[in-house]
Amino acid sequence: MLNLSPTKTGTTFSVKVLPRSSRSEIVGEAEGVLRVKLTAPPVEGAANKALVELLSDRLHIAKSRITILSGQTGRNKTVHAEGVKPEDLQALLK
């Protein structure tokens, strides 16, 4: 089960990004971490931008409401989704 942390403004969760994949998709979860494949390379923030776009599309919220809190330069990231409850996030990402 995905490790979700509710906050005053939304939900925080961990993501492991697999850049340079054949297509962008949410693969599932492993050990409480959301696994996401992205076609974008990990260069000049391209993978971060692609991650925000994919999550905003799947969660049906604006890109401005998705924030990468930590891990901007690594594969393991902590992400905050503003205005999304943990149970809604769990359901939408399935």
PDB file of N, CA and C in Angstrom:
ATOM      1  N   MET A   1       0.852  -1.186   0.000  1.00  0.00           N
ATOM      2  CA  MET A   1       0.000   0.000   0.000  1.00  0.00           C
ATOM      3  C   MET A   1       0.895   1.246   0.000  1.00  0.00           C
ATOM      4  N   LEU A   2       0.465   2.225  -0.728  1.00  0.00           N
ATOM      5  CA  LEU A   2       1.217   3.464  -0.878  1.00  0.00           C
ATOM      6  C   LEU A   2       1.298   4.200   0.455  1.00  0.00           C
ATOM      7  N   ASN A   3       2.484   4.698   0.803  1.00  0.00           N
ATOM      8  CA  ASN A   3       2.698   5.428   2.049  1.00  0.00           C
ATOM      9  C   ASN A   3       2.330   6.891   1.823  1.00  0.00           C
ATOM     10  N   LEU A   4       1.153   7.290   2.299  1.00  0.00           N
ATOM     11  CA  LEU A   4       0.631   8.640   2.101  1.00  0.00           C
ATOM     12  C   LEU A   4       0.609   9.393   3.428  1.00  0.00           C
ATOM     13  N   SER A   5       1.045  10.649   3.408  1.00  0.00           N
ATOM     14  CA  SER A   5       1.048  11.483   4.609  1.00  0.00           C
ATOM     15  C   SER A   5       0.130  12.680   4.402  1.00  0.00           C
ATOM     16  N   PRO A   6      -0.993  12.727   5.122  1.00  0.00           N
ATOM     17  CA  PRO A   6      -1.874  13.885   4.990  1.00  0.00           C
ATOM     18  C   PRO A   6      -1.223  15.131   5.598  1.00  0.00           C
ATOM     19  N   THR A   7      -1.457  16.279   4.961  1.00  0.00           N
ATOM     20  CA  THR A   7      -0.980  17.562   5.474  1.00  0.00           C
ATOM     21  C   THR A   7      -2.185  18.483   5.583  1.00  0.00           C
ATOM     22  N   LYS A   8      -1.965  19.704   6.059  1.00  0.00           N
ATOM     23  CA  LYS A   8      -3.064  20.667   6.172  1.00  0.00           C
ATOM     24  C   LYS A   8      -3.641  21.018   4.799  1.00  0.00           C
ATOM     25  N   THR A   9      -2.794  20.983   3.767  1.00  0.00           N
ATOM     26  CA  THR A   9      -3.239  21.437   2.443  1.00  0.00           C
ATOM     27  C   THR A   9      -3.401  20.321   1.424  1.00  0.00           C
ATOM     28  N   GLY A  10      -3.045  19.092   1.764  1.00  0.00           N
ATOM     29  CA  GLY A  10      -3.159  18.014   0.785  1.00  0.00           C
ATOM     30  C   GLY A  10      -2.513  16.736   1.275  1.00  0.00           C
ATOM     31  N   THR A  11      -1.748  16.081   0.389  1.00  0.00           N
ATOM     32  CA  THR A  11      -1.123  14.802   0.704  1.00  0.00           C
ATOM     33  C   THR A  11       0.303  14.768   0.169  1.00  0.00           C
ATOM     34  N   THR A  12       1.219  14.218   0.964  1.00  0.00           N
ATOM     35  CA  THR A  12       2.608  14.044   0.566  1.00  0.00           C
ATOM     36  C   THR A  12       2.874  12.561   0.383  1.00  0.00           C
ATOM     37  N   PHE A  13       3.643  12.210  -0.654  1.00  0.00           N
ATOM     38  CA  PHE A  13       3.954  10.810  -0.923  1.00  0.00           C
ATOM     39  C   PHE A  13       5.307  10.703  -1.625  1.00  0.00           C
ATOM     40  N   SER A  14       5.869   9.500  -1.619  1.00  0.00           N
ATOM     41  CA  SER A  14       7.175   9.248  -2.235  1.00  0.00           C
ATOM     42  C   SER A  14       6.992   8.662  -3.635  1.00  0.00           C
ATOM     43  N   VAL A  15       7.891   9.068  -4.520  1.00  0.00           N
ATOM     44  CA  VAL A  15       7.848   8.604  -5.914  1.00  0.00           C
ATOM     45  C   VAL A  15       9.244   8.166  -6.332  1.00  0.00           C
ATOM     46  N   LYS A  16       9.328   7.052  -7.048  1.00  0.00           N
ATOM     47  CA  LYS A  16      10.583   6.644  -7.678  1.00  0.00           C
ATOM     48  C   LYS A  16      10.379   6.780  -9.180  1.00  0.00           C
ATOM     49  N   VAL A  17      11.205   7.599  -9.810  1.00  0.00           N
ATOM     50  CA  VAL A  17      11.082   7.891 -11.236  1.00  0.00           C
ATOM     51  C   VAL A  17      12.045   7.015 -12.030  1.00  0.00           C
ATOM     52  N   LEU A  18      11.542   6.462 -13.125  1.00  0.00           N
ATOM     53  CA  LEU A  18      12.356   5.680 -14.048  1.00  0.00           C
ATOM     54  C   LEU A  18      12.380   6.429 -15.380  1.00  0.00           C
ATOM     55  N   PRO A  19      13.361   7.331 -15.564  1.00  0.00           N
ATOM     56  CA  PRO A  19      13.406   8.150 -16.778  1.00  0.00           C
ATOM     57  C   PRO A  19      13.838   7.350 -18.003  1.00  0.00           C
ATOM     58  N   ARG A  20      13.637   7.958 -19.170  1.00  0.00           N
ATOM     59  CA  ARG A  20      14.002   7.369 -20.468  1.00  0.00           C
ATOM     60  C   ARG A  20      13.326   6.029 -20.712  1.00  0.00           C
ATOM     61  N   SER A  21      12.065   5.907 -20.305  1.00  0.00           N
ATOM     62  CA  SER A  21      11.292   4.690 -20.554  1.00  0.00           C
ATOM     63  C   SER A  21      10.599   4.815 -21.900  1.00  0.00           C
ATOM     64  N   SER A  22      10.032   3.718 -22.358  1.00  0.00           N
ATOM     65  CA  SER A  22       9.380   3.735 -23.672  1.00  0.00           C
ATOM     66  C   SER A  22       8.082   4.541 -23.662  1.00  0.00           C
ATOM     67  N   ARG A  23       7.423   4.644 -22.486  1.00  0.00           N
ATOM     68  CA  ARG A  23       6.229   5.489 -22.378  1.00  0.00           C
ATOM     69  C   ARG A  23       6.063   5.965 -20.951  1.00  0.00           C
ATOM     70  N   SER A  24       5.326   7.054 -20.797  1.00  0.00           N
ATOM     71  CA  SER A  24       5.085   7.615 -19.460  1.00  0.00           C
ATOM     72  C   SER A  24       3.850   6.960 -18.864  1.00  0.00           C
ATOM     73  N   GLU A  25       4.017   6.388 -17.683  1.00  0.00           N
ATOM     74  CA  GLU A  25       2.902   5.721 -17.016  1.00  0.00           C
ATOM     75  C   GLU A  25       3.221   5.491 -15.549  1.00  0.00           C
ATOM     76  N   ILE A  26       2.150   5.321 -14.765  1.00  0.00           N
ATOM     77  CA  ILE A  26       2.302   4.941 -13.370  1.00  0.00           C
ATOM     78  C   ILE A  26       2.345   3.424 -13.352  1.00  0.00           C
ATOM     79  N   VAL A  27       3.448   2.872 -12.857  1.00  0.00           N
ATOM     80  CA  VAL A  27       3.665   1.431 -12.894  1.00  0.00           C
ATOM     81  C   VAL A  27       2.967   0.740 -11.729  1.00  0.00           C
ATOM     82  N   GLY A  28       2.950   1.368 -10.578  1.00  0.00           N
ATOM     83  CA  GLY A  28       2.368   0.783  -9.383  1.00  0.00           C
ATOM     84  C   GLY A  28       3.126   1.272  -8.168  1.00  0.00           C
ATOM     85  N   GLU A  29       3.163   0.419  -7.132  1.00  0.00           N
ATOM     86  CA  GLU A  29       3.912   0.808  -5.946  1.00  0.00           C
ATOM     87  C   GLU A  29       4.730  -0.365  -5.458  1.00  0.00           C
ATOM     88  N   ALA A  30       5.831  -0.019  -4.818  1.00  0.00           N
ATOM     89  CA  ALA A  30       6.701  -1.013  -4.207  1.00  0.00           C
ATOM     90  C   ALA A  30       7.216  -0.438  -2.898  1.00  0.00           C
ATOM     91  N   GLU A  31       7.009  -1.172  -1.822  1.00  0.00           N
ATOM     92  CA  GLU A  31       7.463  -0.754  -0.496  1.00  0.00           C
ATOM     93  C   GLU A  31       6.960   0.636  -0.114  1.00  0.00           C
ATOM     94  N   GLY A  32       5.723   0.948  -0.464  1.00  0.00           N
ATOM     95  CA  GLY A  32       5.113   2.219  -0.099  1.00  0.00           C
ATOM     96  C   GLY A  32       5.477   3.390  -0.988  1.00  0.00           C
ATOM     97  N   VAL A  33       6.235   3.132  -2.068  1.00  0.00           N
ATOM     98  CA  VAL A  33       6.688   4.187  -2.966  1.00  0.00           C
ATOM     99  C   VAL A  33       6.018   4.020  -4.325  1.00  0.00           C
ATOM    100  N   LEU A  34       5.474   5.104  -4.854  1.00  0.00           N
ATOM    101  CA  LEU A  34       4.852   5.093  -6.173  1.00  0.00           C
ATOM    102  C   LEU A  34       5.942   5.020  -7.238  1.00  0.00           C
ATOM    103  N   ARG A  35       5.832   4.076  -8.169  1.00  0.00           N
ATOM    104  CA  ARG A  35       6.815   3.923  -9.247  1.00  0.00           C
ATOM    105  C   ARG A  35       6.215   4.492 -10.535  1.00  0.00           C
ATOM    106  N   VAL A  36       6.987   5.392 -11.166  1.00  0.00           N
ATOM    107  CA  VAL A  36       6.508   6.088 -12.364  1.00  0.00           C
ATOM    108  C   VAL A  36       7.565   6.001 -13.464  1.00  0.00           C
ATOM    109  N   LYS A  37       7.141   5.554 -14.646  1.00  0.00           N
ATOM    110  CA  LYS A  37       8.021   5.555 -15.819  1.00  0.00           C
ATOM    111  C   LYS A  37       7.765   6.835 -16.600  1.00  0.00           C
ATOM    112  N   LEU A  38       8.844   7.464 -17.076  1.00  0.00           N
ATOM    113  CA  LEU A  38       8.737   8.696 -17.859  1.00  0.00           C
ATOM    114  C   LEU A  38       9.584   8.582 -19.119  1.00  0.00           C
ATOM    115  N   THR A  39       9.090   9.111 -20.217  1.00  0.00           N
ATOM    116  CA  THR A  39       9.871   9.107 -21.455  1.00  0.00           C
ATOM    117  C   THR A  39      10.964  10.169 -21.414  1.00  0.00           C
ATOM    118  N   ALA A  40      10.771  11.180 -20.614  1.00  0.00           N
ATOM    119  CA  ALA A  40      11.728  12.304 -20.541  1.00  0.00           C
ATOM    120  C   ALA A  40      13.051  11.872 -19.925  1.00  0.00           C
ATOM    121  N   PRO A  41      14.155  12.452 -20.412  1.00  0.00           N
ATOM    122  CA  PRO A  41      15.459  12.174 -19.806  1.00  0.00           C
ATOM    123  C   PRO A  41      15.639  12.997 -18.531  1.00  0.00           C
ATOM    124  N   PRO A  42      16.525  12.568 -17.642  1.00  0.00           N
ATOM    125  CA  PRO A  42      16.748  13.316 -16.402  1.00  0.00           C
ATOM    126  C   PRO A  42      17.731  14.469 -16.614  1.00  0.00           C
ATOM    127  N   VAL A  43      17.402  15.342 -17.560  1.00  0.00           N
ATOM    128  CA  VAL A  43      18.290  16.443 -17.928  1.00  0.00           C
ATOM    129  C   VAL A  43      17.525  17.756 -17.834  1.00  0.00           C
ATOM    130  N   GLU A  44      18.115  18.740 -17.168  1.00  0.00           N
ATOM    131  CA  GLU A  44      17.562  20.096 -17.075  1.00  0.00           C
ATOM    132  C   GLU A  44      16.106  20.128 -16.612  1.00  0.00           C
ATOM    133  N   GLY A  45      15.739  19.241 -15.702  1.00  0.00           N
ATOM    134  CA  GLY A  45      14.392  19.249 -15.140  1.00  0.00           C
ATOM    135  C   GLY A  45      13.312  18.661 -16.024  1.00  0.00           C
ATOM    136  N   ALA A  46      13.679  18.047 -17.139  1.00  0.00           N
ATOM    137  CA  ALA A  46      12.682  17.500 -18.063  1.00  0.00           C
ATOM    138  C   ALA A  46      11.865  16.382 -17.407  1.00  0.00           C
ATOM    139  N   ALA A  47      12.524  15.516 -16.654  1.00  0.00           N
ATOM    140  CA  ALA A  47      11.816  14.419 -15.991  1.00  0.00           C
ATOM    141  C   ALA A  47      10.892  14.959 -14.893  1.00  0.00           C
ATOM    142  N   ASN A  48      11.330  15.970 -14.166  1.00  0.00           N
ATOM    143  CA  ASN A  48      10.482  16.577 -13.133  1.00  0.00           C
ATOM    144  C   ASN A  48       9.229  17.186 -13.750  1.00  0.00           C
ATOM    145  N   LYS A  49       9.400  17.890 -14.862  1.00  0.00           N
ATOM    146  CA  LYS A  49       8.261  18.501 -15.552  1.00  0.00           C
ATOM    147  C   LYS A  49       7.295  17.429 -16.041  1.00  0.00           C
ATOM    148  N   ALA A  50       7.835  16.350 -16.604  1.00  0.00           N
ATOM    149  CA  ALA A  50       6.995  15.255 -17.096  1.00  0.00           C
ATOM    150  C   ALA A  50       6.252  14.579 -15.945  1.00  0.00           C
ATOM    151  N   LEU A  51       6.907  14.446 -14.792  1.00  0.00           N
ATOM    152  CA  LEU A  51       6.260  13.845 -13.620  1.00  0.00           C
ATOM    153  C   LEU A  51       5.082  14.698 -13.162  1.00  0.00           C
ATOM    154  N   VAL A  52       5.292  15.999 -13.067  1.00  0.00           N
ATOM    155  CA  VAL A  52       4.217  16.910 -12.645  1.00  0.00           C
ATOM    156  C   VAL A  52       3.053  16.847 -13.627  1.00  0.00           C
ATOM    157  N   GLU A  53       3.345  16.817 -14.925  1.00  0.00           N
ATOM    158  CA  GLU A  53       2.284  16.739 -15.940  1.00  0.00           C
ATOM    159  C   GLU A  53       1.497  15.438 -15.821  1.00  0.00           C
ATOM    160  N   LEU A  54       2.193  14.318 -15.649  1.00  0.00           N
ATOM    161  CA  LEU A  54       1.525  13.023 -15.540  1.00  0.00           C
ATOM    162  C   LEU A  54       0.643  12.963 -14.292  1.00  0.00           C
ATOM    163  N   LEU A  55       1.178  13.390 -13.155  1.00  0.00           N
ATOM    164  CA  LEU A  55       0.399  13.351 -11.914  1.00  0.00           C
ATOM    165  C   LEU A  55      -0.797  14.294 -11.961  1.00  0.00           C
ATOM    166  N   SER A  56      -0.619  15.493 -12.517  1.00  0.00           N
ATOM    167  CA  SER A  56      -1.743  16.430 -12.582  1.00  0.00           C
ATOM    168  C   SER A  56      -2.848  15.884 -13.488  1.00  0.00           C
ATOM    169  N   ASP A  57      -2.455  15.200 -14.549  1.00  0.00           N
ATOM    170  CA  ASP A  57      -3.439  14.595 -15.454  1.00  0.00           C
ATOM    171  C   ASP A  57      -4.198  13.469 -14.752  1.00  0.00           C
ATOM    172  N   ARG A  58      -3.484  12.586 -14.072  1.00  0.00           N
ATOM    173  CA  ARG A  58      -4.121  11.450 -13.400  1.00  0.00           C
ATOM    174  C   ARG A  58      -4.981  11.877 -12.214  1.00  0.00           C
ATOM    175  N   LEU A  59      -4.560  12.937 -11.509  1.00  0.00           N
ATOM    176  CA  LEU A  59      -5.290  13.398 -10.324  1.00  0.00           C
ATOM    177  C   LEU A  59      -6.354  14.445 -10.653  1.00  0.00           C
ATOM    178  N   HIS A  60      -6.378  14.892 -11.910  1.00  0.00           N
ATOM    179  CA  HIS A  60      -7.347  15.903 -12.370  1.00  0.00           C
ATOM    180  C   HIS A  60      -7.228  17.198 -11.569  1.00  0.00           C
ATOM    181  N   ILE A  61      -5.978  17.631 -11.355  1.00  0.00           N
ATOM    182  CA  ILE A  61      -5.741  18.912 -10.692  1.00  0.00           C
ATOM    183  C   ILE A  61      -4.727  19.696 -11.518  1.00  0.00           C
ATOM    184  N   ALA A  62      -4.640  20.991 -11.262  1.00  0.00           N
ATOM    185  CA  ALA A  62      -3.712  21.849 -12.000  1.00  0.00           C
ATOM    186  C   ALA A  62      -2.271  21.488 -11.683  1.00  0.00           C
ATOM    187  N   LYS A  63      -1.393  21.665 -12.660  1.00  0.00           N
ATOM    188  CA  LYS A  63       0.032  21.379 -12.472  1.00  0.00           C
ATOM    189  C   LYS A  63       0.613  22.210 -11.326  1.00  0.00           C
ATOM    190  N   SER A  64       0.080  23.401 -11.118  1.00  0.00           N
ATOM    191  CA  SER A  64       0.587  24.276 -10.052  1.00  0.00           C
ATOM    192  C   SER A  64       0.303  23.719  -8.658  1.00  0.00           C
ATOM    193  N   ARG A  65      -0.583  22.726  -8.570  1.00  0.00           N
ATOM    194  CA  ARG A  65      -0.923  22.135  -7.274  1.00  0.00           C
ATOM    195  C   ARG A  65      -0.081  20.898  -6.954  1.00  0.00           C
ATOM    196  N   ILE A  66       0.847  20.547  -7.848  1.00  0.00           N
ATOM    197  CA  ILE A  66       1.785  19.444  -7.620  1.00  0.00           C
ATOM    198  C   ILE A  66       3.159  20.065  -7.357  1.00  0.00           C
ATOM    199  N   THR A  67       3.769  19.722  -6.244  1.00  0.00           N
ATOM    200  CA  THR A  67       5.074  20.271  -5.881  1.00  0.00           C
ATOM    201  C   THR A  67       6.036  19.137  -5.555  1.00  0.00           C
ATOM    202  N   ILE A  68       7.241  19.193  -6.135  1.00  0.00           N
ATOM    203  CA  ILE A  68       8.290  18.244  -5.771  1.00  0.00           C
ATOM    204  C   ILE A  68       9.033  18.873  -4.593  1.00  0.00           C
ATOM    205  N   LEU A  69       8.850  18.299  -3.402  1.00  0.00           N
ATOM    206  CA  LEU A  69       9.427  18.855  -2.180  1.00  0.00           C
ATOM    207  C   LEU A  69      10.910  18.533  -2.052  1.00  0.00           C
ATOM    208  N   SER A  70      11.301  17.333  -2.449  1.00  0.00           N
ATOM    209  CA  SER A  70      12.715  16.951  -2.379  1.00  0.00           C
ATOM    210  C   SER A  70      13.024  15.941  -3.471  1.00  0.00           C
ATOM    211  N   GLY A  71      14.303  15.842  -3.813  1.00  0.00           N
ATOM    212  CA  GLY A  71      14.729  14.886  -4.823  1.00  0.00           C
ATOM    213  C   GLY A  71      14.717  15.428  -6.234  1.00  0.00           C
ATOM    214  N   GLN A  72      14.834  16.740  -6.395  1.00  0.00           N
ATOM    215  CA  GLN A  72      14.788  17.342  -7.731  1.00  0.00           C
ATOM    216  C   GLN A  72      15.838  16.758  -8.675  1.00  0.00           C
ATOM    217  N   THR A  73      16.979  16.325  -8.155  1.00  0.00           N
ATOM    218  CA  THR A  73      18.045  15.829  -9.020  1.00  0.00           C
ATOM    219  C   THR A  73      18.235  14.313  -8.928  1.00  0.00           C
ATOM    220  N   GLY A  74      17.375  13.627  -8.211  1.00  0.00           N
ATOM    221  CA  GLY A  74      17.501  12.182  -8.068  1.00  0.00           C
ATOM    222  C   GLY A  74      16.270  11.445  -8.552  1.00  0.00           C
ATOM    223  N   ARG A  75      16.327  10.138  -8.494  1.00  0.00           N
ATOM    224  CA  ARG A  75      15.185   9.316  -8.906  1.00  0.00           C
ATOM    225  C   ARG A  75      14.120   9.232  -7.824  1.00  0.00           C
ATOM    226  N   ASN A  76      14.541   9.330  -6.561  1.00  0.00           N
ATOM    227  CA  ASN A  76      13.601   9.253  -5.446  1.00  0.00           C
ATOM    228  C   ASN A  76      13.169  10.661  -5.057  1.00  0.00           C
ATOM    229  N   LYS A  77      11.863  10.885  -5.089  1.00  0.00           N
ATOM    230  CA  LYS A  77      11.319  12.224  -4.855  1.00  0.00           C
ATOM    231  C   LYS A  77      10.217  12.181  -3.802  1.00  0.00           C
ATOM    232  N   THR A  78      10.023  13.292  -3.141  1.00  0.00           N
ATOM    233  CA  THR A  78       8.876  13.474  -2.257  1.00  0.00           C
ATOM    234  C   THR A  78       7.993  14.518  -2.920  1.00  0.00           C
ATOM    235  N   VAL A  79       6.728  14.159  -3.122  1.00  0.00           N
ATOM    236  CA  VAL A  79       5.797  15.004  -3.875  1.00  0.00           C
ATOM    237  C   VAL A  79       4.613  15.377  -2.995  1.00  0.00           C
ATOM    238  N   HIS A  80       4.131  16.613  -3.157  1.00  0.00           N
ATOM    239  CA  HIS A  80       2.942  17.075  -2.444  1.00  0.00           C
ATOM    240  C   HIS A  80       1.858  17.403  -3.465  1.00  0.00           C
ATOM    241  N   ALA A  81       0.665  16.840  -3.243  1.00  0.00           N
ATOM    242  CA  ALA A  81      -0.495  17.128  -4.094  1.00  0.00           C
ATOM    243  C   ALA A  81      -1.470  17.966  -3.270  1.00  0.00           C
ATOM    244  N   GLU A  82      -1.595  19.227  -3.631  1.00  0.00           N
ATOM    245  CA  GLU A  82      -2.439  20.158  -2.886  1.00  0.00           C
ATOM    246  C   GLU A  82      -3.908  19.886  -3.154  1.00  0.00           C
ATOM    247  N   GLY A  83      -4.709  19.854  -2.080  1.00  0.00           N
ATOM    248  CA  GLY A  83      -6.145  19.695  -2.205  1.00  0.00           C
ATOM    249  C   GLY A  83      -6.596  18.272  -2.480  1.00  0.00           C
ATOM    250  N   VAL A  84      -5.715  17.300  -2.296  1.00  0.00           N
ATOM    251  CA  VAL A  84      -6.057  15.896  -2.547  1.00  0.00           C
ATOM    252  C   VAL A  84      -5.964  15.136  -1.229  1.00  0.00           C
ATOM    253  N   LYS A  85      -7.036  14.415  -0.877  1.00  0.00           N
ATOM    254  CA  LYS A  85      -7.053  13.607   0.335  1.00  0.00           C
ATOM    255  C   LYS A  85      -6.329  12.288   0.066  1.00  0.00           C
ATOM    256  N   PRO A  86      -5.705  11.692   1.096  1.00  0.00           N
ATOM    257  CA  PRO A  86      -4.985  10.431   0.895  1.00  0.00           C
ATOM    258  C   PRO A  86      -5.828   9.332   0.263  1.00  0.00           C
ATOM    259  N   GLU A  87      -7.067   9.177   0.708  1.00  0.00           N
ATOM    260  CA  GLU A  87      -7.921   8.123   0.147  1.00  0.00           C
ATOM    261  C   GLU A  87      -8.266   8.389  -1.315  1.00  0.00           C
ATOM    262  N   ASP A  88      -8.430   9.659  -1.678  1.00  0.00           N
ATOM    263  CA  ASP A  88      -8.692  10.004  -3.088  1.00  0.00           C
ATOM    264  C   ASP A  88      -7.458   9.723  -3.947  1.00  0.00           C
ATOM    265  N   LEU A  89      -6.297  10.031  -3.413  1.00  0.00           N
ATOM    266  CA  LEU A  89      -5.053   9.791  -4.128  1.00  0.00           C
ATOM    267  C   LEU A  89      -4.855   8.295  -4.366  1.00  0.00           C
ATOM    268  N   GLN A  90      -5.088   7.487  -3.345  1.00  0.00           N
ATOM    269  CA  GLN A  90      -4.936   6.047  -3.460  1.00  0.00           C
ATOM    270  C   GLN A  90      -5.875   5.503  -4.540  1.00  0.00           C
ATOM    271  N   ALA A  91      -7.120   5.965  -4.553  1.00  0.00           N
ATOM    272  CA  ALA A  91      -8.108   5.488  -5.522  1.00  0.00           C
ATOM    273  C   ALA A  91      -7.785   5.935  -6.946  1.00  0.00           C
ATOM    274  N   LEU A  92      -7.366   7.195  -7.103  1.00  0.00           N
ATOM    275  CA  LEU A  92      -7.106   7.725  -8.445  1.00  0.00           C
ATOM    276  C   LEU A  92      -5.868   7.138  -9.092  1.00  0.00           C
ATOM    277  N   LEU A  93      -4.902   6.719  -8.303  1.00  0.00           N
ATOM    278  CA  LEU A  93      -3.653   6.214  -8.857  1.00  0.00           C
ATOM    279  C   LEU A  93      -3.706   4.732  -9.193  1.00  0.00           C
ATOM    280  N   LYS A  94      -4.809   4.071  -8.904  1.00  0.00           N
ATOM    281  CA  LYS A  94      -4.935   2.643  -9.231  1.00  0.00           C
ATOM    282  C   LYS A  94      -5.221   2.443 -10.692  1.00  0.00           C
TER     283      LYS A  94
END
